[in-house]
Amino acid sequence: MNDKKDTAVKTAVKEATDETKESARDVASDYRAAGNYYVLGHLVQFTGLTDRTLRNYISLGILQGEKINGLWHFTPEQVEAFVRHPAVRPSILAKKNAIVYDFLLDTKKKTHQTCIILNLPGEDEKHLMEYFAYAICNGDFHDFRFSFDSIEGEPRVILRGDTQEVMKLVEDYYKR
């Protein structure tokens, strides 16, 4: 009986994965319908921390989550608690600041690069974070950096990468 259930879950996941490749907006809708879980790849995007660092935080008990079918899953509440944790917050801020600093210090860029900071007051933080994270995770971006934060309740997004890719992502966000 468990084999049937496992097969059904794997089939549903494969079908959901195929469907989510169509657009970031479809992905965000699938995310909400799938029970509001994030996986490690999303947290890597949100925080700028490495997969290994996040796994270390899990083993220390700082990042709480649930392992489902071999993958770590996290609720929005668990992610929020994690990014606000006093032991984690300085690392996340350092990674976010490094996106801009590294861009400014790199004087030998081989391609057209852009770094843009969007302050988006009045926007829904959760929706904004999901939109950019899913668009980037499921898009065809090369050497792309993303950061999301909320400064005193004002959502902030930092995007760095190929100029055309950054501008397309921003344009798509405003068209939605």
N, C-alpha and C. Protein backbone atom coordinates (compact mmCIF):
# COMPACT_ATOMS: atom_id res chain seq x y z
N MET A 1 0.82 -1.19 0.00
CA MET A 1 0.00 0.00 0.00
C MET A 1 0.86 1.26 0.00
N ASN A 2 1.96 1.25 0.75
CA ASN A 2 2.85 2.40 0.76
C ASN A 2 3.49 2.62 -0.61
N ASP A 3 3.77 1.53 -1.34
CA ASP A 3 4.36 1.66 -2.67
C ASP A 3 3.42 2.40 -3.61
N LYS A 4 2.11 2.11 -3.51
CA LYS A 4 1.13 2.81 -4.36
C LYS A 4 1.11 4.29 -4.01
N LYS A 5 1.13 4.58 -2.71
CA LYS A 5 1.11 5.97 -2.28
C LYS A 5 2.37 6.69 -2.74
N ASP A 6 3.54 6.06 -2.56
CA ASP A 6 4.80 6.66 -3.00
C ASP A 6 4.81 6.91 -4.50
N THR A 7 4.30 5.94 -5.27
CA THR A 7 4.23 6.09 -6.73
C THR A 7 3.31 7.24 -7.10
N ALA A 8 2.17 7.34 -6.42
CA ALA A 8 1.23 8.42 -6.70
C ALA A 8 1.84 9.78 -6.38
N VAL A 9 2.56 9.86 -5.25
CA VAL A 9 3.20 11.11 -4.87
C VAL A 9 4.28 11.49 -5.89
N LYS A 10 5.11 10.52 -6.30
CA LYS A 10 6.16 10.79 -7.28
C LYS A 10 5.57 11.25 -8.61
N THR A 11 4.47 10.62 -9.02
CA THR A 11 3.81 11.01 -10.27
C THR A 11 3.28 12.44 -10.16
N ALA A 12 2.65 12.74 -9.03
CA ALA A 12 2.10 14.09 -8.82
C ALA A 12 3.22 15.13 -8.81
N VAL A 13 4.34 14.80 -8.17
CA VAL A 13 5.47 15.73 -8.13
C VAL A 13 6.02 15.95 -9.53
N LYS A 14 6.17 14.88 -10.32
CA LYS A 14 6.69 15.02 -11.68
C LYS A 14 5.74 15.87 -12.52
N GLU A 15 4.43 15.61 -12.40
CA GLU A 15 3.46 16.40 -13.16
C GLU A 15 3.51 17.87 -12.73
N ALA A 16 3.60 18.11 -11.42
CA ALA A 16 3.67 19.48 -10.92
C ALA A 16 4.94 20.16 -11.42
N THR A 17 6.05 19.42 -11.44
CA THR A 17 7.32 19.97 -11.91
C THR A 17 7.22 20.35 -13.38
N ASP A 18 6.62 19.48 -14.20
CA ASP A 18 6.45 19.78 -15.63
C ASP A 18 5.59 21.02 -15.83
N GLU A 19 4.53 21.13 -15.04
CA GLU A 19 3.63 22.27 -15.18
C GLU A 19 4.29 23.57 -14.76
N THR A 20 5.12 23.52 -13.71
CA THR A 20 5.70 24.74 -13.18
C THR A 20 6.76 25.35 -14.08
N LYS A 21 7.22 24.65 -15.06
CA LYS A 21 8.23 25.20 -15.95
C LYS A 21 7.67 26.26 -16.88
N GLU A 22 6.36 26.36 -16.99
CA GLU A 22 5.76 27.28 -17.94
C GLU A 22 6.02 28.74 -17.61
N SER A 23 5.84 29.13 -16.34
CA SER A 23 6.10 30.52 -15.97
C SER A 23 6.22 30.66 -14.47
N ALA A 24 6.83 31.74 -14.04
CA ALA A 24 7.00 31.97 -12.61
C ALA A 24 5.65 32.14 -11.92
N ARG A 25 4.71 32.73 -12.62
CA ARG A 25 3.39 32.93 -12.02
C ARG A 25 2.70 31.59 -11.78
N ASP A 26 2.80 30.67 -12.73
CA ASP A 26 2.24 29.33 -12.55
C ASP A 26 2.92 28.62 -11.39
N VAL A 27 4.23 28.81 -11.27
CA VAL A 27 4.98 28.17 -10.20
C VAL A 27 4.49 28.66 -8.85
N ALA A 28 4.31 29.96 -8.72
CA ALA A 28 3.84 30.51 -7.45
C ALA A 28 2.46 29.97 -7.11
N SER A 29 1.59 29.84 -8.10
CA SER A 29 0.26 29.27 -7.86
C SER A 29 0.36 27.81 -7.42
N ASP A 30 1.22 27.04 -8.10
CA ASP A 30 1.42 25.64 -7.72
C ASP A 30 1.97 25.55 -6.30
N TYR A 31 2.86 26.48 -5.95
CA TYR A 31 3.45 26.50 -4.61
C TYR A 31 2.35 26.65 -3.57
N ARG A 32 1.47 27.63 -3.77
CA ARG A 32 0.40 27.86 -2.79
C ARG A 32 -0.53 26.66 -2.72
N ALA A 33 -0.81 26.03 -3.84
CA ALA A 33 -1.71 24.88 -3.85
C ALA A 33 -1.05 23.64 -3.25
N ALA A 34 0.29 23.61 -3.25
CA ALA A 34 1.01 22.42 -2.78
C ALA A 34 1.25 22.43 -1.28
N GLY A 35 0.74 23.39 -0.57
CA GLY A 35 0.86 23.36 0.88
C GLY A 35 1.88 24.31 1.47
N ASN A 36 2.30 25.29 0.72
CA ASN A 36 3.17 26.34 1.25
C ASN A 36 4.48 25.84 1.84
N TYR A 37 5.16 24.99 1.17
CA TYR A 37 6.48 24.54 1.61
C TYR A 37 7.57 25.13 0.73
N TYR A 38 8.70 25.43 1.35
CA TYR A 38 9.91 25.79 0.64
C TYR A 38 10.87 24.62 0.76
N VAL A 39 11.81 24.51 -0.16
CA VAL A 39 12.86 23.50 -0.08
C VAL A 39 14.20 24.24 0.02
N LEU A 40 15.28 23.49 0.24
CA LEU A 40 16.59 24.12 0.44
C LEU A 40 16.99 25.07 -0.69
N GLY A 41 16.69 24.69 -1.93
CA GLY A 41 17.04 25.55 -3.07
C GLY A 41 16.42 26.92 -2.97
N HIS A 42 15.19 26.98 -2.46
CA HIS A 42 14.53 28.28 -2.29
C HIS A 42 15.25 29.09 -1.21
N LEU A 43 15.62 28.44 -0.12
CA LEU A 43 16.30 29.14 0.96
C LEU A 43 17.68 29.64 0.52
N VAL A 44 18.34 28.87 -0.34
CA VAL A 44 19.61 29.33 -0.90
C VAL A 44 19.37 30.64 -1.65
N GLN A 45 18.30 30.70 -2.44
CA GLN A 45 17.97 31.92 -3.18
C GLN A 45 17.61 33.07 -2.25
N PHE A 46 16.75 32.81 -1.25
CA PHE A 46 16.28 33.87 -0.36
C PHE A 46 17.39 34.47 0.47
N THR A 47 18.29 33.62 0.96
CA THR A 47 19.26 34.05 1.95
C THR A 47 20.65 34.34 1.40
N GLY A 48 21.01 33.70 0.30
CA GLY A 48 22.36 33.81 -0.22
C GLY A 48 23.33 32.86 0.46
N LEU A 49 22.84 32.12 1.46
CA LEU A 49 23.67 31.14 2.14
C LEU A 49 23.78 29.87 1.29
N THR A 50 24.84 29.12 1.48
CA THR A 50 25.02 27.90 0.70
C THR A 50 24.15 26.77 1.24
N ASP A 51 23.95 25.77 0.41
CA ASP A 51 23.23 24.57 0.80
C ASP A 51 23.88 23.94 2.04
N ARG A 52 25.21 23.85 2.04
CA ARG A 52 25.95 23.26 3.16
C ARG A 52 25.73 24.04 4.45
N THR A 53 25.76 25.37 4.37
CA THR A 53 25.53 26.21 5.55
C THR A 53 24.12 26.00 6.09
N LEU A 54 23.15 25.92 5.20
CA LEU A 54 21.77 25.69 5.64
C LEU A 54 21.64 24.32 6.32
N ARG A 55 22.29 23.32 5.78
CA ARG A 55 22.25 21.99 6.40
C ARG A 55 22.92 22.00 7.78
N ASN A 56 23.97 22.81 7.92
CA ASN A 56 24.59 22.95 9.24
C ASN A 56 23.61 23.58 10.24
N TYR A 57 22.87 24.59 9.79
CA TYR A 57 21.86 25.21 10.66
C TYR A 57 20.76 24.21 11.03
N ILE A 58 20.41 23.33 10.10
CA ILE A 58 19.43 22.28 10.41
C ILE A 58 19.97 21.37 11.50
N SER A 59 21.22 20.93 11.33
CA SER A 59 21.79 20.00 12.32
C SER A 59 21.96 20.66 13.69
N LEU A 60 22.13 21.98 13.72
CA LEU A 60 22.23 22.71 14.98
C LEU A 60 20.86 23.00 15.60
N GLY A 61 19.80 22.78 14.83
CA GLY A 61 18.45 23.03 15.32
C GLY A 61 17.99 24.47 15.15
N ILE A 62 18.80 25.29 14.48
CA ILE A 62 18.43 26.69 14.26
C ILE A 62 17.40 26.79 13.14
N LEU A 63 17.55 25.98 12.12
CA LEU A 63 16.58 25.91 11.02
C LEU A 63 15.73 24.67 11.23
N GLN A 64 14.45 24.89 11.43
CA GLN A 64 13.52 23.80 11.66
C GLN A 64 12.83 23.46 10.34
N GLY A 65 12.60 22.18 10.12
CA GLY A 65 11.92 21.76 8.91
C GLY A 65 11.52 20.30 9.02
N GLU A 66 11.00 19.78 7.94
CA GLU A 66 10.55 18.39 7.90
C GLU A 66 11.11 17.75 6.63
N LYS A 67 11.65 16.56 6.79
CA LYS A 67 12.17 15.84 5.64
C LYS A 67 11.04 14.99 5.06
N ILE A 68 10.71 15.24 3.80
CA ILE A 68 9.64 14.51 3.11
C ILE A 68 10.24 13.91 1.86
N ASN A 69 10.16 12.59 1.74
CA ASN A 69 10.73 11.89 0.57
C ASN A 69 12.17 12.29 0.31
N GLY A 70 12.94 12.45 1.37
CA GLY A 70 14.36 12.74 1.24
C GLY A 70 14.71 14.20 1.03
N LEU A 71 13.73 15.08 0.94
CA LEU A 71 13.98 16.51 0.75
C LEU A 71 13.50 17.29 1.96
N TRP A 72 14.29 18.27 2.37
CA TRP A 72 13.87 19.13 3.46
C TRP A 72 12.81 20.11 2.98
N HIS A 73 11.74 20.25 3.77
CA HIS A 73 10.66 21.18 3.47
C HIS A 73 10.48 22.11 4.67
N PHE A 74 10.17 23.38 4.38
CA PHE A 74 10.05 24.39 5.41
C PHE A 74 8.79 25.23 5.17
N THR A 75 8.06 25.51 6.23
CA THR A 75 6.89 26.37 6.13
C THR A 75 7.36 27.82 6.10
N PRO A 76 6.52 28.74 5.62
CA PRO A 76 6.91 30.15 5.65
C PRO A 76 7.24 30.63 7.07
N GLU A 77 6.53 30.11 8.06
CA GLU A 77 6.79 30.50 9.44
C GLU A 77 8.18 30.04 9.90
N GLN A 78 8.57 28.84 9.49
CA GLN A 78 9.90 28.33 9.83
C GLN A 78 10.98 29.15 9.15
N VAL A 79 10.75 29.53 7.91
CA VAL A 79 11.72 30.35 7.17
C VAL A 79 11.84 31.72 7.83
N GLU A 80 10.71 32.31 8.18
CA GLU A 80 10.70 33.63 8.82
C GLU A 80 11.47 33.59 10.14
N ALA A 81 11.21 32.56 10.96
CA ALA A 81 11.92 32.42 12.24
C ALA A 81 13.41 32.26 12.01
N PHE A 82 13.78 31.52 10.99
CA PHE A 82 15.19 31.29 10.67
C PHE A 82 15.89 32.58 10.27
N VAL A 83 15.33 33.32 9.31
CA VAL A 83 16.01 34.53 8.82
C VAL A 83 16.06 35.63 9.87
N ARG A 84 15.20 35.58 10.86
CA ARG A 84 15.20 36.58 11.94
C ARG A 84 16.04 36.14 13.15
N HIS A 85 16.52 34.90 13.13
CA HIS A 85 17.30 34.37 14.25
C HIS A 85 18.58 35.20 14.44
N PRO A 86 18.90 35.60 15.68
CA PRO A 86 20.06 36.47 15.90
C PRO A 86 21.40 35.83 15.50
N ALA A 87 21.49 34.53 15.49
CA ALA A 87 22.73 33.87 15.07
C ALA A 87 22.87 33.82 13.55
N VAL A 88 21.77 33.99 12.84
CA VAL A 88 21.75 33.85 11.38
C VAL A 88 21.72 35.20 10.68
N ARG A 89 21.00 36.15 11.24
CA ARG A 89 20.76 37.44 10.60
C ARG A 89 22.03 38.12 10.09
N PRO A 90 23.12 38.19 10.89
CA PRO A 90 24.33 38.86 10.39
C PRO A 90 24.91 38.19 9.13
N SER A 91 24.85 36.87 9.07
CA SER A 91 25.36 36.16 7.89
C SER A 91 24.55 36.48 6.66
N ILE A 92 23.24 36.53 6.81
CA ILE A 92 22.36 36.83 5.68
C ILE A 92 22.61 38.26 5.20
N LEU A 93 22.70 39.20 6.14
CA LEU A 93 22.95 40.59 5.75
C LEU A 93 24.29 40.75 5.05
N ALA A 94 25.31 40.04 5.52
CA ALA A 94 26.63 40.10 4.87
C ALA A 94 26.54 39.58 3.43
N LYS A 95 25.81 38.48 3.22
CA LYS A 95 25.66 37.93 1.86
C LYS A 95 24.91 38.91 0.96
N LYS A 96 23.87 39.54 1.50
CA LYS A 96 23.09 40.50 0.71
C LYS A 96 23.94 41.71 0.32
N ASN A 97 24.68 42.24 1.29
CA ASN A 97 25.54 43.39 1.01
C ASN A 97 26.64 43.03 0.02
N ALA A 98 27.13 41.80 0.09
CA ALA A 98 28.20 41.36 -0.81
C ALA A 98 27.77 41.40 -2.27
N ILE A 99 26.48 41.19 -2.54
CA ILE A 99 26.01 41.24 -3.92
C ILE A 99 26.33 42.60 -4.53
N VAL A 100 26.03 43.66 -3.80
CA VAL A 100 26.26 45.02 -4.30
C VAL A 100 27.75 45.35 -4.27
N TYR A 101 28.42 45.06 -3.16
CA TYR A 101 29.85 45.38 -3.04
C TYR A 101 30.66 44.67 -4.11
N ASP A 102 30.41 43.39 -4.31
CA ASP A 102 31.16 42.64 -5.31
C ASP A 102 30.94 43.22 -6.71
N PHE A 103 29.71 43.63 -6.98
CA PHE A 103 29.41 44.25 -8.27
C PHE A 103 30.22 45.53 -8.45
N LEU A 104 30.27 46.36 -7.42
CA LEU A 104 30.98 47.63 -7.50
C LEU A 104 32.50 47.43 -7.61
N LEU A 105 33.01 46.41 -6.95
CA LEU A 105 34.45 46.17 -6.95
C LEU A 105 34.96 45.49 -8.23
N ASP A 106 34.07 44.82 -8.94
CA ASP A 106 34.47 44.12 -10.17
C ASP A 106 34.58 45.13 -11.31
N THR A 107 35.79 45.54 -11.60
CA THR A 107 36.02 46.54 -12.66
C THR A 107 36.35 45.90 -14.00
N LYS A 108 36.37 44.59 -14.05
CA LYS A 108 36.74 43.90 -15.30
C LYS A 108 35.63 42.95 -15.77
N LYS A 109 34.41 43.44 -15.77
CA LYS A 109 33.29 42.62 -16.23
C LYS A 109 33.46 42.33 -17.72
N LYS A 110 33.24 41.09 -18.10
CA LYS A 110 33.42 40.68 -19.50
C LYS A 110 32.13 40.84 -20.31
N THR A 111 31.00 40.98 -19.64
CA THR A 111 29.72 41.17 -20.31
C THR A 111 28.99 42.34 -19.66
N HIS A 112 27.91 42.76 -20.29
CA HIS A 112 27.09 43.83 -19.72
C HIS A 112 26.40 43.29 -18.47
N GLN A 113 26.66 43.93 -17.35
CA GLN A 113 26.11 43.50 -16.07
C GLN A 113 25.31 44.64 -15.45
N THR A 114 24.30 44.27 -14.66
CA THR A 114 23.47 45.23 -13.96
C THR A 114 23.26 44.76 -12.53
N CYS A 115 23.24 45.71 -11.63
CA CYS A 115 22.85 45.44 -10.25
C CYS A 115 21.77 46.46 -9.92
N ILE A 116 20.63 45.96 -9.50
CA ILE A 116 19.49 46.83 -9.25
C ILE A 116 18.90 46.52 -7.88
N ILE A 117 18.54 47.58 -7.16
CA ILE A 117 17.90 47.43 -5.86
C ILE A 117 16.50 48.00 -5.99
N LEU A 118 15.52 47.17 -5.71
CA LEU A 118 14.12 47.59 -5.79
C LEU A 118 13.56 47.69 -4.37
N ASN A 119 13.18 48.88 -3.96
CA ASN A 119 12.43 49.04 -2.73
C ASN A 119 10.97 49.11 -3.14
N LEU A 120 10.16 48.22 -2.59
CA LEU A 120 8.79 48.07 -3.07
C LEU A 120 7.78 48.22 -1.92
N PRO A 121 7.63 49.44 -1.39
CA PRO A 121 6.69 49.64 -0.28
C PRO A 121 5.27 49.32 -0.71
N GLY A 122 4.54 48.71 0.19
CA GLY A 122 3.15 48.37 -0.09
C GLY A 122 2.96 47.03 -0.77
N GLU A 123 4.03 46.42 -1.24
CA GLU A 123 3.93 45.10 -1.89
C GLU A 123 3.87 44.02 -0.83
N ASP A 124 3.17 42.96 -1.13
CA ASP A 124 3.08 41.81 -0.23
C ASP A 124 4.42 41.08 -0.22
N GLU A 125 5.06 41.04 0.96
CA GLU A 125 6.41 40.47 1.07
C GLU A 125 6.47 39.02 0.61
N LYS A 126 5.54 38.23 1.08
CA LYS A 126 5.55 36.80 0.76
C LYS A 126 5.40 36.58 -0.74
N HIS A 127 4.45 37.26 -1.35
CA HIS A 127 4.23 37.10 -2.79
C HIS A 127 5.45 37.57 -3.58
N LEU A 128 6.03 38.68 -3.16
CA LEU A 128 7.19 39.23 -3.83
C LEU A 128 8.37 38.26 -3.77
N MET A 129 8.64 37.74 -2.58
CA MET A 129 9.73 36.79 -2.40
C MET A 129 9.50 35.54 -3.25
N GLU A 130 8.28 35.01 -3.23
CA GLU A 130 7.96 33.82 -4.01
C GLU A 130 8.12 34.08 -5.50
N TYR A 131 7.62 35.22 -5.95
CA TYR A 131 7.68 35.51 -7.38
C TYR A 131 9.12 35.48 -7.88
N PHE A 132 9.99 36.27 -7.24
CA PHE A 132 11.37 36.35 -7.71
C PHE A 132 12.12 35.04 -7.52
N ALA A 133 11.94 34.39 -6.38
CA ALA A 133 12.65 33.13 -6.14
C ALA A 133 12.26 32.07 -7.16
N TYR A 134 10.97 31.93 -7.43
CA TYR A 134 10.53 30.92 -8.39
C TYR A 134 10.91 31.29 -9.82
N ALA A 135 10.81 32.57 -10.15
CA ALA A 135 11.19 32.99 -11.50
C ALA A 135 12.66 32.70 -11.74
N ILE A 136 13.50 32.96 -10.75
CA ILE A 136 14.94 32.74 -10.90
C ILE A 136 15.26 31.24 -10.88
N CYS A 137 14.66 30.51 -9.94
CA CYS A 137 14.93 29.06 -9.85
C CYS A 137 14.52 28.33 -11.12
N ASN A 138 13.47 28.80 -11.76
CA ASN A 138 12.93 28.08 -12.91
C ASN A 138 13.25 28.76 -14.24
N GLY A 139 14.02 29.84 -14.19
CA GLY A 139 14.39 30.54 -15.41
C GLY A 139 15.74 30.07 -15.92
N ASP A 140 16.12 30.64 -17.04
CA ASP A 140 17.39 30.28 -17.66
C ASP A 140 18.38 31.42 -17.43
N PHE A 141 18.78 31.59 -16.16
CA PHE A 141 19.67 32.68 -15.78
C PHE A 141 21.09 32.15 -15.61
N HIS A 142 22.06 32.98 -15.97
CA HIS A 142 23.47 32.60 -15.87
C HIS A 142 24.18 33.61 -14.97
N ASP A 143 24.95 33.13 -14.02
CA ASP A 143 25.71 34.01 -13.12
C ASP A 143 24.80 35.10 -12.56
N PHE A 144 23.72 34.68 -11.94
CA PHE A 144 22.68 35.59 -11.46
C PHE A 144 22.65 35.55 -9.94
N ARG A 145 22.53 36.70 -9.32
CA ARG A 145 22.45 36.78 -7.86
C ARG A 145 21.14 37.47 -7.49
N PHE A 146 20.53 37.01 -6.41
CA PHE A 146 19.23 37.49 -5.95
C PHE A 146 19.25 37.61 -4.44
N SER A 147 18.63 38.65 -3.95
CA SER A 147 18.50 38.82 -2.51
C SER A 147 17.13 39.43 -2.23
N PHE A 148 16.52 38.96 -1.14
CA PHE A 148 15.26 39.53 -0.70
C PHE A 148 15.37 39.83 0.77
N ASP A 149 14.83 40.96 1.17
CA ASP A 149 14.78 41.30 2.58
C ASP A 149 13.62 42.27 2.80
N SER A 150 13.29 42.46 4.04
CA SER A 150 12.28 43.44 4.39
C SER A 150 12.91 44.35 5.44
N ILE A 151 13.07 45.61 5.08
CA ILE A 151 13.66 46.60 5.96
C ILE A 151 12.53 47.44 6.55
N GLU A 152 12.31 47.26 7.85
CA GLU A 152 11.23 47.95 8.55
C GLU A 152 9.90 47.80 7.81
N GLY A 153 9.62 46.59 7.37
CA GLY A 153 8.36 46.30 6.70
C GLY A 153 8.31 46.66 5.23
N GLU A 154 9.40 47.20 4.70
CA GLU A 154 9.46 47.57 3.29
C GLU A 154 10.27 46.53 2.53
N PRO A 155 9.61 45.78 1.63
CA PRO A 155 10.33 44.74 0.89
C PRO A 155 11.41 45.33 -0.01
N ARG A 156 12.56 44.65 -0.03
CA ARG A 156 13.68 45.07 -0.87
C ARG A 156 14.19 43.86 -1.63
N VAL A 157 14.38 44.03 -2.93
CA VAL A 157 14.92 42.99 -3.80
C VAL A 157 16.19 43.52 -4.44
N ILE A 158 17.25 42.70 -4.40
CA ILE A 158 18.49 43.04 -5.08
C ILE A 158 18.71 41.98 -6.16
N LEU A 159 18.91 42.44 -7.39
CA LEU A 159 19.15 41.55 -8.52
C LEU A 159 20.46 41.95 -9.17
N ARG A 160 21.28 40.94 -9.47
CA ARG A 160 22.56 41.20 -10.13
C ARG A 160 22.80 40.13 -11.18
N GLY A 161 23.15 40.55 -12.38
CA GLY A 161 23.44 39.59 -13.43
C GLY A 161 23.51 40.26 -14.78
N ASP A 162 23.39 39.45 -15.82
CA ASP A 162 23.37 39.94 -17.19
C ASP A 162 22.29 41.01 -17.31
N THR A 163 22.63 42.14 -17.92
CA THR A 163 21.70 43.27 -18.00
C THR A 163 20.36 42.87 -18.62
N GLN A 164 20.38 42.15 -19.72
CA GLN A 164 19.12 41.76 -20.37
C GLN A 164 18.29 40.86 -19.47
N GLU A 165 18.95 39.93 -18.76
CA GLU A 165 18.22 39.02 -17.88
C GLU A 165 17.59 39.76 -16.70
N VAL A 166 18.35 40.67 -16.10
CA VAL A 166 17.84 41.45 -14.97
C VAL A 166 16.65 42.30 -15.41
N MET A 167 16.82 43.01 -16.52
CA MET A 167 15.75 43.90 -16.98
C MET A 167 14.50 43.12 -17.39
N LYS A 168 14.68 41.95 -18.00
CA LYS A 168 13.54 41.11 -18.38
C LYS A 168 12.77 40.65 -17.13
N LEU A 169 13.50 40.24 -16.10
CA LEU A 169 12.86 39.79 -14.87
C LEU A 169 12.07 40.92 -14.22
N VAL A 170 12.65 42.11 -14.17
CA VAL A 170 11.96 43.26 -13.58
C VAL A 170 10.74 43.62 -14.43
N GLU A 171 10.91 43.64 -15.74
CA GLU A 171 9.80 43.94 -16.65
C GLU A 171 8.66 42.93 -16.47
N ASP A 172 8.99 41.65 -16.39
CA ASP A 172 7.97 40.62 -16.18
C ASP A 172 7.26 40.80 -14.84
N TYR A 173 7.99 41.21 -13.82
CA TYR A 173 7.36 41.45 -12.52
C TYR A 173 6.31 42.55 -12.63
N TYR A 174 6.66 43.65 -13.28
CA TYR A 174 5.73 44.77 -13.38
C TYR A 174 4.57 44.51 -14.35
N LYS A 175 4.72 43.56 -15.24
CA LYS A 175 3.63 43.22 -16.17
C LYS A 175 2.58 42.32 -15.53
N ARG A 176 2.93 41.64 -14.47
CA ARG A 176 2.02 40.64 -13.89
C ARG A 176 0.74 41.25 -13.40
